[in-house]
């Protein structure tokens, strides 16, 4: 269960952005519930990818147990940015 949520911030000064930008990420939740690793799944606009990674790295989860032992968990994340 997510215990800390950080919303990615729409990056400023991006002139070539579409009305909607989607960034897909693969991430690993460490045994302590923090985000251990985040990888961008191409294609992704660099500014939006950086903003998505920064937000996701701030997430925290309860630890996941497998046979009563903490274990890492892989997850896929899709972050959608919309112009407002």
PDB file of N, CA and C in Angstrom:
ATOM      1  N   UNK A   1       0.845  -1.166   0.000  1.00  0.00           N
ATOM      2  CA  UNK A   1       0.000   0.000   0.000  1.00  0.00           C
ATOM      3  C   UNK A   1       0.899   1.241   0.000  1.00  0.00           C
ATOM      4  N   UNK A   2       0.529   2.212  -0.838  1.00  0.00           N
ATOM      5  CA  UNK A   2       1.302   3.447  -0.899  1.00  0.00           C
ATOM      6  C   UNK A   2       1.012   4.270   0.350  1.00  0.00           C
ATOM      7  N   UNK A   3       2.068   4.677   1.051  1.00  0.00           N
ATOM      8  CA  UNK A   3       1.906   5.484   2.256  1.00  0.00           C
ATOM      9  C   UNK A   3       2.341   6.932   2.049  1.00  0.00           C
ATOM     10  N   UNK A   4       3.062   7.207   0.954  1.00  0.00           N
ATOM     11  CA  UNK A   4       3.443   8.581   0.618  1.00  0.00           C
ATOM     12  C   UNK A   4       3.336   8.748  -0.887  1.00  0.00           C
ATOM     13  N   UNK A   5       2.569   9.750  -1.304  1.00  0.00           N
ATOM     14  CA  UNK A   5       2.353  10.007  -2.717  1.00  0.00           C
ATOM     15  C   UNK A   5       2.910  11.378  -3.064  1.00  0.00           C
ATOM     16  N   UNK A   6       3.677  11.442  -4.135  1.00  0.00           N
ATOM     17  CA  UNK A   6       4.205  12.711  -4.636  1.00  0.00           C
ATOM     18  C   UNK A   6       3.749  12.840  -6.078  1.00  0.00           C
ATOM     19  N   UNK A   7       3.039  13.901  -6.384  1.00  0.00           N
ATOM     20  CA  UNK A   7       2.553  14.134  -7.746  1.00  0.00           C
ATOM     21  C   UNK A   7       3.654  14.768  -8.580  1.00  0.00           C
ATOM     22  N   UNK A   8       3.956  14.205  -9.737  1.00  0.00           N
ATOM     23  CA  UNK A   8       4.943  14.832 -10.616  1.00  0.00           C
ATOM     24  C   UNK A   8       4.477  16.234 -11.032  1.00  0.00           C
ATOM     25  N   UNK A   9       5.425  17.135 -11.171  1.00  0.00           N
ATOM     26  CA  UNK A   9       5.131  18.526 -11.517  1.00  0.00           C
ATOM     27  C   UNK A   9       5.358  18.726 -13.011  1.00  0.00           C
ATOM     28  N   UNK A  10       4.378  19.334 -13.668  1.00  0.00           N
ATOM     29  CA  UNK A  10       4.477  19.637 -15.097  1.00  0.00           C
ATOM     30  C   UNK A  10       5.692  20.529 -15.313  1.00  0.00           C
ATOM     31  N   UNK A  11       6.636  20.108 -16.172  1.00  0.00           N
ATOM     32  CA  UNK A  11       7.840  20.915 -16.363  1.00  0.00           C
ATOM     33  C   UNK A  11       7.549  22.209 -17.136  1.00  0.00           C
ATOM     34  N   UNK A  12       8.140  23.274 -16.696  1.00  0.00           N
ATOM     35  CA  UNK A  12       7.950  24.553 -17.358  1.00  0.00           C
ATOM     36  C   UNK A  12       8.917  24.734 -18.515  1.00  0.00           C
ATOM     37  N   UNK A  13       8.590  25.650 -19.411  1.00  0.00           N
ATOM     38  CA  UNK A  13       9.481  25.995 -20.504  1.00  0.00           C
ATOM     39  C   UNK A  13       9.639  24.937 -21.576  1.00  0.00           C
ATOM     40  N   UNK A  14       8.652  24.057 -21.717  1.00  0.00           N
ATOM     41  CA  UNK A  14       8.718  23.021 -22.745  1.00  0.00           C
ATOM     42  C   UNK A  14       7.835  23.471 -23.910  1.00  0.00           C
ATOM     43  N   UNK A  15       8.486  23.980 -24.965  1.00  0.00           N
ATOM     44  CA  UNK A  15       7.752  24.535 -26.101  1.00  0.00           C
ATOM     45  C   UNK A  15       7.209  23.477 -27.052  1.00  0.00           C
ATOM     46  N   UNK A  16       7.844  22.302 -27.086  1.00  0.00           N
ATOM     47  CA  UNK A  16       7.441  21.275 -28.044  1.00  0.00           C
ATOM     48  C   UNK A  16       6.534  20.198 -27.435  1.00  0.00           C
ATOM     49  N   UNK A  17       5.920  20.500 -26.292  1.00  0.00           N
ATOM     50  CA  UNK A  17       5.058  19.526 -25.632  1.00  0.00           C
ATOM     51  C   UNK A  17       3.722  19.380 -26.358  1.00  0.00           C
ATOM     52  N   UNK A  18       3.213  18.160 -26.354  1.00  0.00           N
ATOM     53  CA  UNK A  18       1.881  17.899 -26.896  1.00  0.00           C
ATOM     54  C   UNK A  18       0.849  18.279 -25.831  1.00  0.00           C
ATOM     55  N   UNK A  19      -0.433  18.254 -26.191  1.00  0.00           N
ATOM     56  CA  UNK A  19      -1.492  18.552 -25.225  1.00  0.00           C
ATOM     57  C   UNK A  19      -1.474  17.546 -24.078  1.00  0.00           C
ATOM     58  N   UNK A  20      -1.041  16.322 -24.383  1.00  0.00           N
ATOM     59  CA  UNK A  20      -0.940  15.282 -23.363  1.00  0.00           C
ATOM     60  C   UNK A  20       0.355  14.506 -23.593  1.00  0.00           C
ATOM     61  N   UNK A  21       1.160  14.405 -22.566  1.00  0.00           N
ATOM     62  CA  UNK A  21       2.410  13.640 -22.631  1.00  0.00           C
ATOM     63  C   UNK A  21       2.299  12.478 -21.641  1.00  0.00           C
ATOM     64  N   UNK A  22       2.619  11.275 -22.100  1.00  0.00           N
ATOM     65  CA  UNK A  22       2.569  10.091 -21.241  1.00  0.00           C
ATOM     66  C   UNK A  22       3.981   9.543 -21.104  1.00  0.00           C
ATOM     67  N   UNK A  23       4.376   9.278 -19.867  1.00  0.00           N
ATOM     68  CA  UNK A  23       5.681   8.686 -19.580  1.00  0.00           C
ATOM     69  C   UNK A  23       5.438   7.360 -18.878  1.00  0.00           C
ATOM     70  N   UNK A  24       6.039   6.302 -19.416  1.00  0.00           N
ATOM     71  CA  UNK A  24       5.923   4.977 -18.801  1.00  0.00           C
ATOM     72  C   UNK A  24       7.245   4.646 -18.128  1.00  0.00           C
ATOM     73  N   UNK A  25       7.137   4.110 -16.924  1.00  0.00           N
ATOM     74  CA  UNK A  25       8.320   3.791 -16.133  1.00  0.00           C
ATOM     75  C   UNK A  25       8.249   2.361 -15.615  1.00  0.00           C
ATOM     76  N   UNK A  26       9.407   1.743 -15.457  1.00  0.00           N
ATOM     77  CA  UNK A  26       9.542   0.501 -14.708  1.00  0.00           C
ATOM     78  C   UNK A  26      10.295   0.872 -13.445  1.00  0.00           C
ATOM     79  N   UNK A  27       9.794   0.421 -12.299  1.00  0.00           N
ATOM     80  CA  UNK A  27      10.414   0.780 -11.027  1.00  0.00           C
ATOM     81  C   UNK A  27      10.467  -0.434 -10.108  1.00  0.00           C
ATOM     82  N   UNK A  28      11.332  -0.333  -9.096  1.00  0.00           N
ATOM     83  CA  UNK A  28      11.458  -1.389  -8.101  1.00  0.00           C
ATOM     84  C   UNK A  28      11.222  -0.770  -6.729  1.00  0.00           C
ATOM     85  N   UNK A  29      10.320  -1.377  -5.985  1.00  0.00           N
ATOM     86  CA  UNK A  29      10.088  -0.967  -4.595  1.00  0.00           C
ATOM     87  C   UNK A  29      11.048  -1.799  -3.743  1.00  0.00           C
ATOM     88  N   UNK A  30      11.904  -1.140  -2.986  1.00  0.00           N
ATOM     89  CA  UNK A  30      12.890  -1.820  -2.145  1.00  0.00           C
ATOM     90  C   UNK A  30      12.212  -2.478  -0.948  1.00  0.00           C
ATOM     91  N   UNK A  31      12.961  -3.274  -0.232  1.00  0.00           N
ATOM     92  CA  UNK A  31      12.402  -3.990   0.915  1.00  0.00           C
ATOM     93  C   UNK A  31      11.934  -3.041   2.016  1.00  0.00           C
ATOM     94  N   UNK A  32      12.475  -1.817   2.056  1.00  0.00           N
ATOM     95  CA  UNK A  32      12.042  -0.850   3.071  1.00  0.00           C
ATOM     96  C   UNK A  32      10.880   0.026   2.603  1.00  0.00           C
ATOM     97  N   UNK A  33      10.380  -0.207   1.377  1.00  0.00           N
ATOM     98  CA  UNK A  33       9.227   0.537   0.867  1.00  0.00           C
ATOM     99  C   UNK A  33       9.564   1.759   0.041  1.00  0.00           C
ATOM    100  N   UNK A  34      10.849   2.095  -0.084  1.00  0.00           N
ATOM    101  CA  UNK A  34      11.248   3.226  -0.913  1.00  0.00           C
ATOM    102  C   UNK A  34      11.428   2.760  -2.355  1.00  0.00           C
ATOM    103  N   UNK A  35      11.530   3.721  -3.263  1.00  0.00           N
ATOM    104  CA  UNK A  35      11.749   3.385  -4.663  1.00  0.00           C
ATOM    105  C   UNK A  35      13.247   3.243  -4.883  1.00  0.00           C
ATOM    106  N   UNK A  36      13.637   2.044  -5.309  1.00  0.00           N
ATOM    107  CA  UNK A  36      15.056   1.720  -5.458  1.00  0.00           C
ATOM    108  C   UNK A  36      15.590   2.043  -6.845  1.00  0.00           C
ATOM    109  N   UNK A  37      14.806   1.780  -7.852  1.00  0.00           N
ATOM    110  CA  UNK A  37      15.282   1.936  -9.229  1.00  0.00           C
ATOM    111  C   UNK A  37      14.118   2.372 -10.098  1.00  0.00           C
ATOM    112  N   UNK A  38      14.379   3.315 -10.996  1.00  0.00           N
ATOM    113  CA  UNK A  38      13.361   3.776 -11.947  1.00  0.00           C
ATOM    114  C   UNK A  38      13.996   3.857 -13.325  1.00  0.00           C
ATOM    115  N   UNK A  39      13.352   3.237 -14.310  1.00  0.00           N
ATOM    116  CA  UNK A  39      13.825   3.266 -15.690  1.00  0.00           C
ATOM    117  C   UNK A  39      12.696   3.754 -16.595  1.00  0.00           C
ATOM    118  N   UNK A  40      13.018   4.638 -17.524  1.00  0.00           N
ATOM    119  CA  UNK A  40      12.045   5.144 -18.491  1.00  0.00           C
ATOM    120  C   UNK A  40      11.891   4.130 -19.616  1.00  0.00           C
ATOM    121  N   UNK A  41      10.647   3.896 -20.003  1.00  0.00           N
ATOM    122  CA  UNK A  41      10.358   3.051 -21.159  1.00  0.00           C
ATOM    123  C   UNK A  41      10.202   3.991 -22.355  1.00  0.00           C
ATOM    124  N   UNK A  42      11.125   3.923 -23.324  1.00  0.00           N
ATOM    125  CA  UNK A  42      11.028   4.830 -24.478  1.00  0.00           C
ATOM    126  C   UNK A  42       9.783   4.549 -25.317  1.00  0.00           C
ATOM    127  N   UNK A  43       9.312   5.518 -26.074  1.00  0.00           N
ATOM    128  CA  UNK A  43       9.831   6.881 -26.188  1.00  0.00           C
ATOM    129  C   UNK A  43       9.244   7.767 -25.090  1.00  0.00           C
ATOM    130  N   UNK A  44      10.006   8.779 -24.706  1.00  0.00           N
ATOM    131  CA  UNK A  44       9.512   9.740 -23.714  1.00  0.00           C
ATOM    132  C   UNK A  44      10.245  11.065 -23.905  1.00  0.00           C
ATOM    133  N   UNK A  45       9.507  12.149 -23.788  1.00  0.00           N
ATOM    134  CA  UNK A  45      10.104  13.486 -23.854  1.00  0.00           C
ATOM    135  C   UNK A  45      11.025  13.630 -22.635  1.00  0.00           C
ATOM    136  N   UNK A  46      12.280  14.051 -22.824  1.00  0.00           N
ATOM    137  CA  UNK A  46      13.235  14.110 -21.709  1.00  0.00           C
ATOM    138  C   UNK A  46      12.778  14.929 -20.504  1.00  0.00           C
ATOM    139  N   UNK A  47      12.172  16.074 -20.728  1.00  0.00           N
ATOM    140  CA  UNK A  47      11.734  16.916 -19.606  1.00  0.00           C
ATOM    141  C   UNK A  47      10.616  16.240 -18.817  1.00  0.00           C
ATOM    142  N   UNK A  48       9.692  15.603 -19.516  1.00  0.00           N
ATOM    143  CA  UNK A  48       8.593  14.928 -18.837  1.00  0.00           C
ATOM    144  C   UNK A  48       9.074  13.653 -18.145  1.00  0.00           C
ATOM    145  N   UNK A  49      10.031  12.967 -18.759  1.00  0.00           N
ATOM    146  CA  UNK A  49      10.603  11.765 -18.136  1.00  0.00           C
ATOM    147  C   UNK A  49      11.282  12.129 -16.822  1.00  0.00           C
ATOM    148  N   UNK A  50      12.054  13.209 -16.821  1.00  0.00           N
ATOM    149  CA  UNK A  50      12.740  13.643 -15.592  1.00  0.00           C
ATOM    150  C   UNK A  50      11.736  14.018 -14.501  1.00  0.00           C
ATOM    151  N   UNK A  51      10.663  14.719 -14.872  1.00  0.00           N
ATOM    152  CA  UNK A  51       9.641  15.109 -13.897  1.00  0.00           C
ATOM    153  C   UNK A  51       8.920  13.881 -13.337  1.00  0.00           C
ATOM    154  N   UNK A  52       8.638  12.908 -14.190  1.00  0.00           N
ATOM    155  CA  UNK A  52       7.967  11.691 -13.746  1.00  0.00           C
ATOM    156  C   UNK A  52       8.855  10.908 -12.781  1.00  0.00           C
ATOM    157  N   UNK A  53      10.130  10.778 -13.118  1.00  0.00           N
ATOM    158  CA  UNK A  53      11.063  10.060 -12.241  1.00  0.00           C
ATOM    159  C   UNK A  53      11.172  10.743 -10.891  1.00  0.00           C
ATOM    160  N   UNK A  54      11.277  12.060 -10.892  1.00  0.00           N
ATOM    161  CA  UNK A  54      11.395  12.806  -9.628  1.00  0.00           C
ATOM    162  C   UNK A  54      10.173  12.571  -8.736  1.00  0.00           C
ATOM    163  N   UNK A  55       8.982  12.610  -9.327  1.00  0.00           N
ATOM    164  CA  UNK A  55       7.774  12.375  -8.539  1.00  0.00           C
ATOM    165  C   UNK A  55       7.711  10.958  -7.990  1.00  0.00           C
ATOM    166  N   UNK A  56       7.970   9.976  -8.847  1.00  0.00           N
ATOM    167  CA  UNK A  56       7.874   8.572  -8.434  1.00  0.00           C
ATOM    168  C   UNK A  56       8.915   8.230  -7.371  1.00  0.00           C
ATOM    169  N   UNK A  57      10.095   8.819  -7.462  1.00  0.00           N
ATOM    170  CA  UNK A  57      11.127   8.547  -6.443  1.00  0.00           C
ATOM    171  C   UNK A  57      10.697   9.009  -5.044  1.00  0.00           C
ATOM    172  N   UNK A  58       9.729   9.895  -4.962  1.00  0.00           N
ATOM    173  CA  UNK A  58       9.227  10.359  -3.671  1.00  0.00           C
ATOM    174  C   UNK A  58       8.170   9.447  -3.065  1.00  0.00           C
ATOM    175  N   UNK A  59       7.706   8.455  -3.812  1.00  0.00           N
ATOM    176  CA  UNK A  59       6.691   7.546  -3.290  1.00  0.00           C
ATOM    177  C   UNK A  59       7.293   6.612  -2.240  1.00  0.00           C
ATOM    178  N   UNK A  60       6.452   6.224  -1.294  1.00  0.00           N
ATOM    179  CA  UNK A  60       6.843   5.223  -0.300  1.00  0.00           C
ATOM    180  C   UNK A  60       5.688   4.260  -0.104  1.00  0.00           C
ATOM    181  N   UNK A  61       6.030   3.014   0.176  1.00  0.00           N
ATOM    182  CA  UNK A  61       5.057   1.943   0.339  1.00  0.00           C
ATOM    183  C   UNK A  61       5.305   1.191   1.636  1.00  0.00           C
ATOM    184  N   UNK A  62       4.254   0.515   2.125  1.00  0.00           N
ATOM    185  CA  UNK A  62       4.453  -0.458   3.196  1.00  0.00           C
ATOM    186  C   UNK A  62       5.347  -1.548   2.635  1.00  0.00           C
ATOM    187  N   UNK A  63       6.109  -2.197   3.501  1.00  0.00           N
ATOM    188  CA  UNK A  63       6.945  -3.275   2.991  1.00  0.00           C
ATOM    189  C   UNK A  63       6.081  -4.442   2.529  1.00  0.00           C
ATOM    190  N   UNK A  64       6.568  -5.141   1.515  1.00  0.00           N
ATOM    191  CA  UNK A  64       5.881  -6.311   0.985  1.00  0.00           C
ATOM    192  C   UNK A  64       6.546  -7.551   1.548  1.00  0.00           C
ATOM    193  N   UNK A  65       5.747  -8.448   2.096  1.00  0.00           N
ATOM    194  CA  UNK A  65       6.286  -9.669   2.687  1.00  0.00           C
ATOM    195  C   UNK A  65       5.963 -10.871   1.811  1.00  0.00           C
ATOM    196  N   UNK A  66       6.940 -11.738   1.666  1.00  0.00           N
ATOM    197  CA  UNK A  66       6.765 -13.004   0.982  1.00  0.00           C
ATOM    198  C   UNK A  66       7.292 -14.072   1.932  1.00  0.00           C
ATOM    199  N   UNK A  67       6.411 -14.963   2.386  1.00  0.00           N
ATOM    200  CA  UNK A  67       6.777 -15.964   3.399  1.00  0.00           C
ATOM    201  C   UNK A  67       7.375 -15.299   4.637  1.00  0.00           C
ATOM    202  N   UNK A  68       6.768 -14.191   5.042  1.00  0.00           N
ATOM    203  CA  UNK A  68       7.131 -13.417   6.236  1.00  0.00           C
ATOM    204  C   UNK A  68       8.472 -12.690   6.124  1.00  0.00           C
ATOM    205  N   UNK A  69       9.025 -12.596   4.925  1.00  0.00           N
ATOM    206  CA  UNK A  69      10.293 -11.886   4.723  1.00  0.00           C
ATOM    207  C   UNK A  69      10.077 -10.734   3.748  1.00  0.00           C
ATOM    208  N   UNK A  70      10.654  -9.562   4.055  1.00  0.00           N
ATOM    209  CA  UNK A  70      10.529  -8.432   3.128  1.00  0.00           C
ATOM    210  C   UNK A  70      11.114  -8.785   1.764  1.00  0.00           C
ATOM    211  N   UNK A  71      10.444  -8.347   0.697  1.00  0.00           N
ATOM    212  CA  UNK A  71      10.908  -8.632  -0.653  1.00  0.00           C
ATOM    213  C   UNK A  71      10.723  -7.411  -1.541  1.00  0.00           C
ATOM    214  N   UNK A  72      11.589  -7.303  -2.553  1.00  0.00           N
ATOM    215  CA  UNK A  72      11.454  -6.226  -3.528  1.00  0.00           C
ATOM    216  C   UNK A  72      10.304  -6.541  -4.474  1.00  0.00           C
ATOM    217  N   UNK A  73       9.693  -5.482  -5.007  1.00  0.00           N
ATOM    218  CA  UNK A  73       8.566  -5.642  -5.913  1.00  0.00           C
ATOM    219  C   UNK A  73       8.795  -4.771  -7.140  1.00  0.00           C
ATOM    220  N   UNK A  74       8.610  -5.353  -8.321  1.00  0.00           N
ATOM    221  CA  UNK A  74       8.673  -4.584  -9.561  1.00  0.00           C
ATOM    222  C   UNK A  74       7.299  -3.996  -9.845  1.00  0.00           C
ATOM    223  N   UNK A  75       7.276  -2.802 -10.418  1.00  0.00           N
ATOM    224  CA  UNK A  75       5.997  -2.198 -10.795  1.00  0.00           C
ATOM    225  C   UNK A  75       6.180  -1.389 -12.068  1.00  0.00           C
ATOM    226  N   UNK A  76       5.083  -1.238 -12.780  1.00  0.00           N
ATOM    227  CA  UNK A  76       5.041  -0.378 -13.963  1.00  0.00           C
ATOM    228  C   UNK A  76       4.179   0.824 -13.624  1.00  0.00           C
ATOM    229  N   UNK A  77       4.644   1.981 -14.051  1.00  0.00           N
ATOM    230  CA  UNK A  77       3.952   3.233 -13.730  1.00  0.00           C
ATOM    231  C   UNK A  77       3.720   3.984 -15.034  1.00  0.00           C
ATOM    232  N   UNK A  78       2.553   4.578 -15.172  1.00  0.00           N
ATOM    233  CA  UNK A  78       2.232   5.423 -16.304  1.00  0.00           C
ATOM    234  C   UNK A  78       1.842   6.791 -15.750  1.00  0.00           C
ATOM    235  N   UNK A  79       2.580   7.814 -16.144  1.00  0.00           N
ATOM    236  CA  UNK A  79       2.336   9.182 -15.688  1.00  0.00           C
ATOM    237  C   UNK A  79       1.847  10.001 -16.872  1.00  0.00           C
ATOM    238  N   UNK A  80       0.692  10.628 -16.711  1.00  0.00           N
ATOM    239  CA  UNK A  80       0.110  11.447 -17.786  1.00  0.00           C
ATOM    240  C   UNK A  80       0.175  12.915 -17.386  1.00  0.00           C
ATOM    241  N   UNK A  81       0.778  13.727 -18.228  1.00  0.00           N
ATOM    242  CA  UNK A  81       0.833  15.160 -18.038  1.00  0.00           C
ATOM    243  C   UNK A  81      -0.109  15.806 -19.038  1.00  0.00           C
ATOM    244  N   UNK A  82      -0.920  16.761 -18.570  1.00  0.00           N
ATOM    245  CA  UNK A  82      -1.843  17.483 -19.445  1.00  0.00           C
ATOM    246  C   UNK A  82      -1.644  18.985 -19.276  1.00  0.00           C
ATOM    247  N   UNK A  83      -1.652  19.687 -20.402  1.00  0.00           N
ATOM    248  CA  UNK A  83      -1.601  21.155 -20.345  1.00  0.00           C
ATOM    249  C   UNK A  83      -2.893  21.660 -19.752  1.00  0.00           C
ATOM    250  N   UNK A  84      -2.800  22.656 -18.919  1.00  0.00           N
ATOM    251  CA  UNK A  84      -4.013  23.236 -18.327  1.00  0.00           C
ATOM    252  C   UNK A  84      -4.127  24.687 -18.669  1.00  0.00           C
TER     253      UNK A  84
END
